Amino acid sequence: MDYKKKIKYAEGVAVQLQEQKSIELIKSELKSDGLYDPDIDKVMISARKILGEKYQPTINEFLLNNKQIHGSEEFKLLDDQTLDILIDKESRKIASAEKQKITRLLREGKSGEEVFAQVDTRFLHAEAAAAHINKLQEIKQQNSGSGRMVNILGGVGLIALTLILLFTIDRLFYVLPIIGLVMIVRGFTTEKME
């Protein structure tokens, strides 16, 4: 199915979804029009995107203000399944924005506790927020001068230990210099905070 045909069907399905026509009935009508299941799925996704563009700002406002969405006058034209999908999509979008806020605040030099206090845990659960903060702090520590120096010196130390063992006990441990090289490379590279 080409793009124009898919959009044409999707716009019609979006109208039908707003009229609260059942999804099963819509899919059976699409199938009777000669569409195959993969094409029907694409049309349904596009139709929900069309509805999302219309309703996402309002859903966002309702979520952030703890307003009741189901049964609200603004969403009476949507069936529950479509509304649930749009709510889930917007909740994930808000959670992603919270992660970006965590990254920004840590870059500004705020402590982990200060950052955690500013996280909206309605959308980004406390455990996920704490894990994200810890991960970013580890990356920041690793990227700091002392963290990088520890990696470089540790790598050089492992290579030196390999040489000492080779000359004293006449055995070569291949793993030690490989680990040492990896540590040296990690010391010279930095991870990106995201």
C-alpha atoms as a PDB file:
ATOM      1  CA  MET A   1       0.000   0.000   0.000  1.00  0.00           C
ATOM      2  CA  ASP A   2       1.394   3.392  -0.911  1.00  0.00           C
ATOM      3  CA  TYR A   3       1.629   6.301   1.502  1.00  0.00           C
ATOM      4  CA  LYS A   4      -1.234   8.379   0.055  1.00  0.00           C
ATOM      5  CA  LYS A   5      -3.629   5.440   0.170  1.00  0.00           C
ATOM      6  CA  LYS A   6      -2.626   4.641   3.757  1.00  0.00           C
ATOM      7  CA  ILE A   7      -3.182   8.259   4.864  1.00  0.00           C
ATOM      8  CA  LYS A   8      -6.570   8.355   3.109  1.00  0.00           C
ATOM      9  CA  TYR A   9      -7.670   5.210   4.961  1.00  0.00           C
ATOM     10  CA  ALA A  10      -6.139   6.481   8.231  1.00  0.00           C
ATOM     11  CA  GLU A  11      -8.069   9.752   8.077  1.00  0.00           C
ATOM     12  CA  GLY A  12     -11.299   7.826   7.565  1.00  0.00           C
ATOM     13  CA  VAL A  13     -10.486   5.454  10.418  1.00  0.00           C
ATOM     14  CA  ALA A  14      -9.658   8.420  12.687  1.00  0.00           C
ATOM     15  CA  VAL A  15     -13.128   9.814  12.056  1.00  0.00           C
ATOM     16  CA  GLN A  16     -14.675   6.399  12.743  1.00  0.00           C
ATOM     17  CA  LEU A  17     -12.702   6.076  15.979  1.00  0.00           C
ATOM     18  CA  GLN A  18     -13.979   9.474  17.065  1.00  0.00           C
ATOM     19  CA  GLU A  19     -17.496   8.260  16.350  1.00  0.00           C
ATOM     20  CA  GLN A  20     -16.721   5.395  18.755  1.00  0.00           C
ATOM     21  CA  LYS A  21     -17.061   2.744  16.109  1.00  0.00           C
ATOM     22  CA  SER A  22     -15.605  -0.515  17.397  1.00  0.00           C
ATOM     23  CA  ILE A  23     -12.073  -1.340  16.325  1.00  0.00           C
ATOM     24  CA  GLU A  24     -13.074  -4.862  15.334  1.00  0.00           C
ATOM     25  CA  LEU A  25     -15.772  -3.508  13.021  1.00  0.00           C
ATOM     26  CA  ILE A  26     -13.344  -0.992  11.490  1.00  0.00           C
ATOM     27  CA  LYS A  27     -10.775  -3.733  10.895  1.00  0.00           C
ATOM     28  CA  SER A  28     -13.341  -6.043   9.312  1.00  0.00           C
ATOM     29  CA  GLU A  29     -14.473  -3.236   6.981  1.00  0.00           C
ATOM     30  CA  LEU A  30     -10.854  -2.572   5.982  1.00  0.00           C
ATOM     31  CA  LYS A  31     -10.375  -6.263   5.348  1.00  0.00           C
ATOM     32  CA  SER A  32     -13.485  -6.330   3.163  1.00  0.00           C
ATOM     33  CA  ASP A  33     -11.979  -3.404   1.207  1.00  0.00           C
ATOM     34  CA  GLY A  34      -9.109  -5.738   0.313  1.00  0.00           C
ATOM     35  CA  LEU A  35      -6.503  -4.645   2.840  1.00  0.00           C
ATOM     36  CA  TYR A  36      -4.222  -7.255   4.402  1.00  0.00           C
ATOM     37  CA  ASP A  37      -3.540  -7.495   8.131  1.00  0.00           C
ATOM     38  CA  PRO A  38      -0.127  -5.723   8.013  1.00  0.00           C
ATOM     39  CA  ASP A  39      -1.688  -2.874   6.024  1.00  0.00           C
ATOM     40  CA  ILE A  40      -4.605  -2.670   8.451  1.00  0.00           C
ATOM     41  CA  ASP A  41      -2.160  -2.422  11.366  1.00  0.00           C
ATOM     42  CA  LYS A  42      -0.314   0.420   9.619  1.00  0.00           C
ATOM     43  CA  VAL A  43      -3.597   2.228   8.948  1.00  0.00           C
ATOM     44  CA  MET A  44      -4.634   1.863  12.602  1.00  0.00           C
ATOM     45  CA  ILE A  45      -1.284   3.224  13.802  1.00  0.00           C
ATOM     46  CA  SER A  46      -1.547   6.179  11.432  1.00  0.00           C
ATOM     47  CA  ALA A  47      -5.127   6.856  12.513  1.00  0.00           C
ATOM     48  CA  ARG A  48      -4.057   6.924  16.159  1.00  0.00           C
ATOM     49  CA  LYS A  49      -1.219   9.301  15.248  1.00  0.00           C
ATOM     50  CA  ILE A  50      -3.755  11.603  13.603  1.00  0.00           C
ATOM     51  CA  LEU A  51      -5.913  11.501  16.730  1.00  0.00           C
ATOM     52  CA  GLY A  52      -2.808  11.945  18.864  1.00  0.00           C
ATOM     53  CA  GLU A  53      -1.891  15.169  17.113  1.00  0.00           C
ATOM     54  CA  LYS A  54      -5.329  16.485  17.960  1.00  0.00           C
ATOM     55  CA  TYR A  55      -5.665  15.204  21.532  1.00  0.00           C
ATOM     56  CA  GLN A  56      -2.082  14.912  22.902  1.00  0.00           C
ATOM     57  CA  PRO A  57      -1.797  18.527  24.150  1.00  0.00           C
ATOM     58  CA  THR A  58      -5.061  18.207  26.057  1.00  0.00           C
ATOM     59  CA  ILE A  59      -4.110  14.784  27.433  1.00  0.00           C
ATOM     60  CA  ASN A  60      -0.754  16.229  28.524  1.00  0.00           C
ATOM     61  CA  GLU A  61      -2.509  19.061  30.351  1.00  0.00           C
ATOM     62  CA  PHE A  62      -4.922  16.649  32.048  1.00  0.00           C
ATOM     63  CA  LEU A  63      -2.108  14.315  33.136  1.00  0.00           C
ATOM     64  CA  LEU A  64       0.057  17.103  34.551  1.00  0.00           C
ATOM     65  CA  ASN A  65      -2.904  18.604  36.428  1.00  0.00           C
ATOM     66  CA  ASN A  66      -4.203  15.242  37.738  1.00  0.00           C
ATOM     67  CA  LYS A  67      -7.552  15.692  35.991  1.00  0.00           C
ATOM     68  CA  GLN A  68      -9.812  12.749  35.224  1.00  0.00           C
ATOM     69  CA  ILE A  69      -9.449  11.801  31.554  1.00  0.00           C
ATOM     70  CA  HIS A  70     -11.891   8.923  31.176  1.00  0.00           C
ATOM     71  CA  GLY A  71     -15.427  10.248  31.131  1.00  0.00           C
ATOM     72  CA  SER A  72     -14.266  13.821  30.519  1.00  0.00           C
ATOM     73  CA  GLU A  73     -16.213  15.900  28.015  1.00  0.00           C
ATOM     74  CA  GLU A  74     -13.067  16.679  25.978  1.00  0.00           C
ATOM     75  CA  PHE A  75     -12.510  12.994  25.167  1.00  0.00           C
ATOM     76  CA  LYS A  76     -16.072  11.748  24.804  1.00  0.00           C
ATOM     77  CA  LEU A  77     -15.578  11.142  21.068  1.00  0.00           C
ATOM     78  CA  LEU A  78     -12.801   8.587  21.660  1.00  0.00           C
ATOM     79  CA  ASP A  79     -13.305   4.948  22.536  1.00  0.00           C
ATOM     80  CA  ASP A  80     -11.586   3.701  25.701  1.00  0.00           C
ATOM     81  CA  GLN A  81      -8.960   1.604  23.916  1.00  0.00           C
ATOM     82  CA  THR A  82      -7.783   4.485  21.718  1.00  0.00           C
ATOM     83  CA  LEU A  83      -7.822   6.851  24.689  1.00  0.00           C
ATOM     84  CA  ASP A  84      -5.749   4.402  26.760  1.00  0.00           C
ATOM     85  CA  ILE A  85      -3.180   4.158  23.961  1.00  0.00           C
ATOM     86  CA  LEU A  86      -2.946   7.963  23.716  1.00  0.00           C
ATOM     87  CA  ILE A  87      -2.641   8.295  27.511  1.00  0.00           C
ATOM     88  CA  ASP A  88       0.130   5.689  27.605  1.00  0.00           C
ATOM     89  CA  LYS A  89       2.000   7.400  24.781  1.00  0.00           C
ATOM     90  CA  GLU A  90       1.799  10.785  26.478  1.00  0.00           C
ATOM     91  CA  SER A  91       2.835   9.326  29.849  1.00  0.00           C
ATOM     92  CA  ARG A  92       5.958   7.824  28.248  1.00  0.00           C
ATOM     93  CA  LYS A  93       6.675  11.165  26.591  1.00  0.00           C
ATOM     94  CA  ILE A  94       6.464  12.955  29.955  1.00  0.00           C
ATOM     95  CA  ALA A  95       8.721  10.295  31.552  1.00  0.00           C
ATOM     96  CA  SER A  96      11.287  10.893  28.818  1.00  0.00           C
ATOM     97  CA  ALA A  97      11.123  14.629  29.500  1.00  0.00           C
ATOM     98  CA  GLU A  98      11.750  13.900  33.192  1.00  0.00           C
ATOM     99  CA  LYS A  99      14.890  11.929  32.275  1.00  0.00           C
ATOM    100  CA  GLN A 100      16.082  14.855  30.173  1.00  0.00           C
ATOM    101  CA  LYS A 101      15.440  17.173  33.119  1.00  0.00           C
ATOM    102  CA  ILE A 102      17.541  14.900  35.364  1.00  0.00           C
ATOM    103  CA  THR A 103      20.418  15.032  32.874  1.00  0.00           C
ATOM    104  CA  ARG A 104      20.191  18.822  32.581  1.00  0.00           C
ATOM    105  CA  LEU A 105      20.129  19.353  36.354  1.00  0.00           C
ATOM    106  CA  LEU A 106      23.103  17.055  36.935  1.00  0.00           C
ATOM    107  CA  ARG A 107      25.062  18.892  34.235  1.00  0.00           C
ATOM    108  CA  GLU A 108      24.274  22.132  36.054  1.00  0.00           C
ATOM    109  CA  GLY A 109      26.020  20.692  39.113  1.00  0.00           C
ATOM    110  CA  LYS A 110      23.027  19.866  41.299  1.00  0.00           C
ATOM    111  CA  SER A 111      23.413  17.019  43.775  1.00  0.00           C
ATOM    112  CA  GLY A 112      21.572  13.734  43.324  1.00  0.00           C
ATOM    113  CA  GLU A 113      19.233  14.551  46.207  1.00  0.00           C
ATOM    114  CA  GLU A 114      18.351  17.968  44.773  1.00  0.00           C
ATOM    115  CA  VAL A 115      17.673  16.424  41.388  1.00  0.00           C
ATOM    116  CA  PHE A 116      15.565  13.591  42.817  1.00  0.00           C
ATOM    117  CA  ALA A 117      13.447  16.116  44.752  1.00  0.00           C
ATOM    118  CA  GLN A 118      12.516  17.797  41.438  1.00  0.00           C
ATOM    119  CA  VAL A 119      11.471  14.597  39.635  1.00  0.00           C
ATOM    120  CA  ASP A 120       7.766  14.072  38.998  1.00  0.00           C
ATOM    121  CA  THR A 121       7.426  10.455  40.129  1.00  0.00           C
ATOM    122  CA  ARG A 122       3.891  10.158  38.764  1.00  0.00           C
ATOM    123  CA  PHE A 123       5.392   9.502  35.342  1.00  0.00           C
ATOM    124  CA  LEU A 124       8.986   8.407  36.055  1.00  0.00           C
ATOM    125  CA  HIS A 125       8.865   5.982  38.974  1.00  0.00           C
ATOM    126  CA  ALA A 126      11.154   6.692  41.919  1.00  0.00           C
ATOM    127  CA  GLU A 127      13.213   3.541  41.269  1.00  0.00           C
ATOM    128  CA  ALA A 128      13.761   4.431  37.601  1.00  0.00           C
ATOM    129  CA  ALA A 129      14.634   8.025  38.497  1.00  0.00           C
ATOM    130  CA  ALA A 130      17.136   6.913  41.148  1.00  0.00           C
ATOM    131  CA  ALA A 131      18.699   4.400  38.741  1.00  0.00           C
ATOM    132  CA  HIS A 132      18.993   7.079  36.036  1.00  0.00           C
ATOM    133  CA  ILE A 133      20.584   9.536  38.494  1.00  0.00           C
ATOM    134  CA  ASN A 134      23.077   6.887  39.678  1.00  0.00           C
ATOM    135  CA  LYS A 135      23.979   5.945  36.105  1.00  0.00           C
ATOM    136  CA  LEU A 136      24.602   9.555  35.136  1.00  0.00           C
ATOM    137  CA  GLN A 137      26.654  10.194  38.279  1.00  0.00           C
ATOM    138  CA  GLU A 138      28.796   7.126  37.500  1.00  0.00           C
ATOM    139  CA  ILE A 139      29.370   8.399  33.965  1.00  0.00           C
ATOM    140  CA  LYS A 140      30.227  11.846  35.335  1.00  0.00           C
ATOM    141  CA  GLN A 141      32.708  10.316  37.814  1.00  0.00           C
ATOM    142  CA  GLN A 142      34.239   8.135  35.115  1.00  0.00           C
ATOM    143  CA  ASN A 143      34.574  11.135  32.814  1.00  0.00           C
ATOM    144  CA  SER A 144      36.159  13.276  35.502  1.00  0.00           C
ATOM    145  CA  GLY A 145      39.926  13.672  35.493  1.00  0.00           C
ATOM    146  CA  SER A 146      40.451  11.432  38.516  1.00  0.00           C
ATOM    147  CA  GLY A 147      38.153   8.706  37.198  1.00  0.00           C
ATOM    148  CA  ARG A 148      39.908   8.703  33.854  1.00  0.00           C
ATOM    149  CA  MET A 149      43.321   8.701  35.518  1.00  0.00           C
ATOM    150  CA  VAL A 150      42.366   5.671  37.630  1.00  0.00           C
ATOM    151  CA  ASN A 151      41.496   3.787  34.437  1.00  0.00           C
ATOM    152  CA  ILE A 152      44.731   4.775  32.694  1.00  0.00           C
ATOM    153  CA  LEU A 153      46.968   4.013  35.682  1.00  0.00           C
ATOM    154  CA  GLY A 154      45.110   0.762  36.368  1.00  0.00           C
ATOM    155  CA  GLY A 155      45.626  -0.307  32.749  1.00  0.00           C
ATOM    156  CA  VAL A 156      49.326   0.575  32.823  1.00  0.00           C
ATOM    157  CA  GLY A 157      49.622  -1.263  36.140  1.00  0.00           C
ATOM    158  CA  LEU A 158      48.099  -4.429  34.672  1.00  0.00           C
ATOM    159  CA  ILE A 159      50.466  -4.325  31.699  1.00  0.00           C
ATOM    160  CA  ALA A 160      53.428  -3.794  34.064  1.00  0.00           C
ATOM    161  CA  LEU A 161      52.203  -6.680  36.246  1.00  0.00           C
ATOM    162  CA  THR A 162      52.071  -8.887  33.155  1.00  0.00           C
ATOM    163  CA  LEU A 163      55.701  -8.045  32.331  1.00  0.00           C
ATOM    164  CA  ILE A 164      56.827  -8.631  35.927  1.00  0.00           C
ATOM    165  CA  LEU A 165      55.087 -12.021  36.006  1.00  0.00           C
ATOM    166  CA  LEU A 166      56.563 -12.917  32.640  1.00  0.00           C
ATOM    167  CA  PHE A 167      60.137 -12.234  33.823  1.00  0.00           C
ATOM    168  CA  THR A 168      59.797 -13.640  37.361  1.00  0.00           C
ATOM    169  CA  ILE A 169      57.796 -16.841  36.857  1.00  0.00           C
ATOM    170  CA  ASP A 170      58.244 -17.155  33.097  1.00  0.00           C
ATOM    171  CA  ARG A 171      54.497 -17.288  32.423  1.00  0.00           C
ATOM    172  CA  LEU A 172      52.399 -14.994  30.297  1.00  0.00           C
ATOM    173  CA  PHE A 173      48.842 -14.268  31.329  1.00  0.00           C
ATOM    174  CA  TYR A 174      47.176 -13.031  28.133  1.00  0.00           C
ATOM    175  CA  VAL A 175      44.076 -11.691  29.827  1.00  0.00           C
ATOM    176  CA  LEU A 176      45.873  -9.106  31.976  1.00  0.00           C
ATOM    177  CA  PRO A 177      47.321  -6.966  29.147  1.00  0.00           C
ATOM    178  CA  ILE A 178      43.997  -7.118  27.272  1.00  0.00           C
ATOM    179  CA  ILE A 179      42.141  -5.835  30.337  1.00  0.00           C
ATOM    180  CA  GLY A 180      44.876  -3.229  30.794  1.00  0.00           C
ATOM    181  CA  LEU A 181      44.479  -1.982  27.225  1.00  0.00           C
ATOM    182  CA  VAL A 182      40.703  -1.799  27.603  1.00  0.00           C
ATOM    183  CA  MET A 183      41.125   0.246  30.788  1.00  0.00           C
ATOM    184  CA  ILE A 184      43.579   2.609  29.080  1.00  0.00           C
ATOM    185  CA  VAL A 185      41.197   3.116  26.154  1.00  0.00           C
ATOM    186  CA  ARG A 186      38.309   3.785  28.555  1.00  0.00           C
ATOM    187  CA  GLY A 187      40.509   6.312  30.340  1.00  0.00           C
ATOM    188  CA  PHE A 188      41.035   8.251  27.114  1.00  0.00           C
ATOM    189  CA  THR A 189      37.399   8.137  25.989  1.00  0.00           C
ATOM    190  CA  THR A 190      34.359   9.691  27.631  1.00  0.00           C
ATOM    191  CA  GLU A 191      30.791   8.492  27.769  1.00  0.00           C
ATOM    192  CA  LYS A 192      27.955  10.818  26.880  1.00  0.00           C
ATOM    193  CA  MET A 193      25.433  11.720  29.562  1.00  0.00           C
ATOM    194  CA  GLU A 194      21.934  11.122  28.166  1.00  0.00           C
END
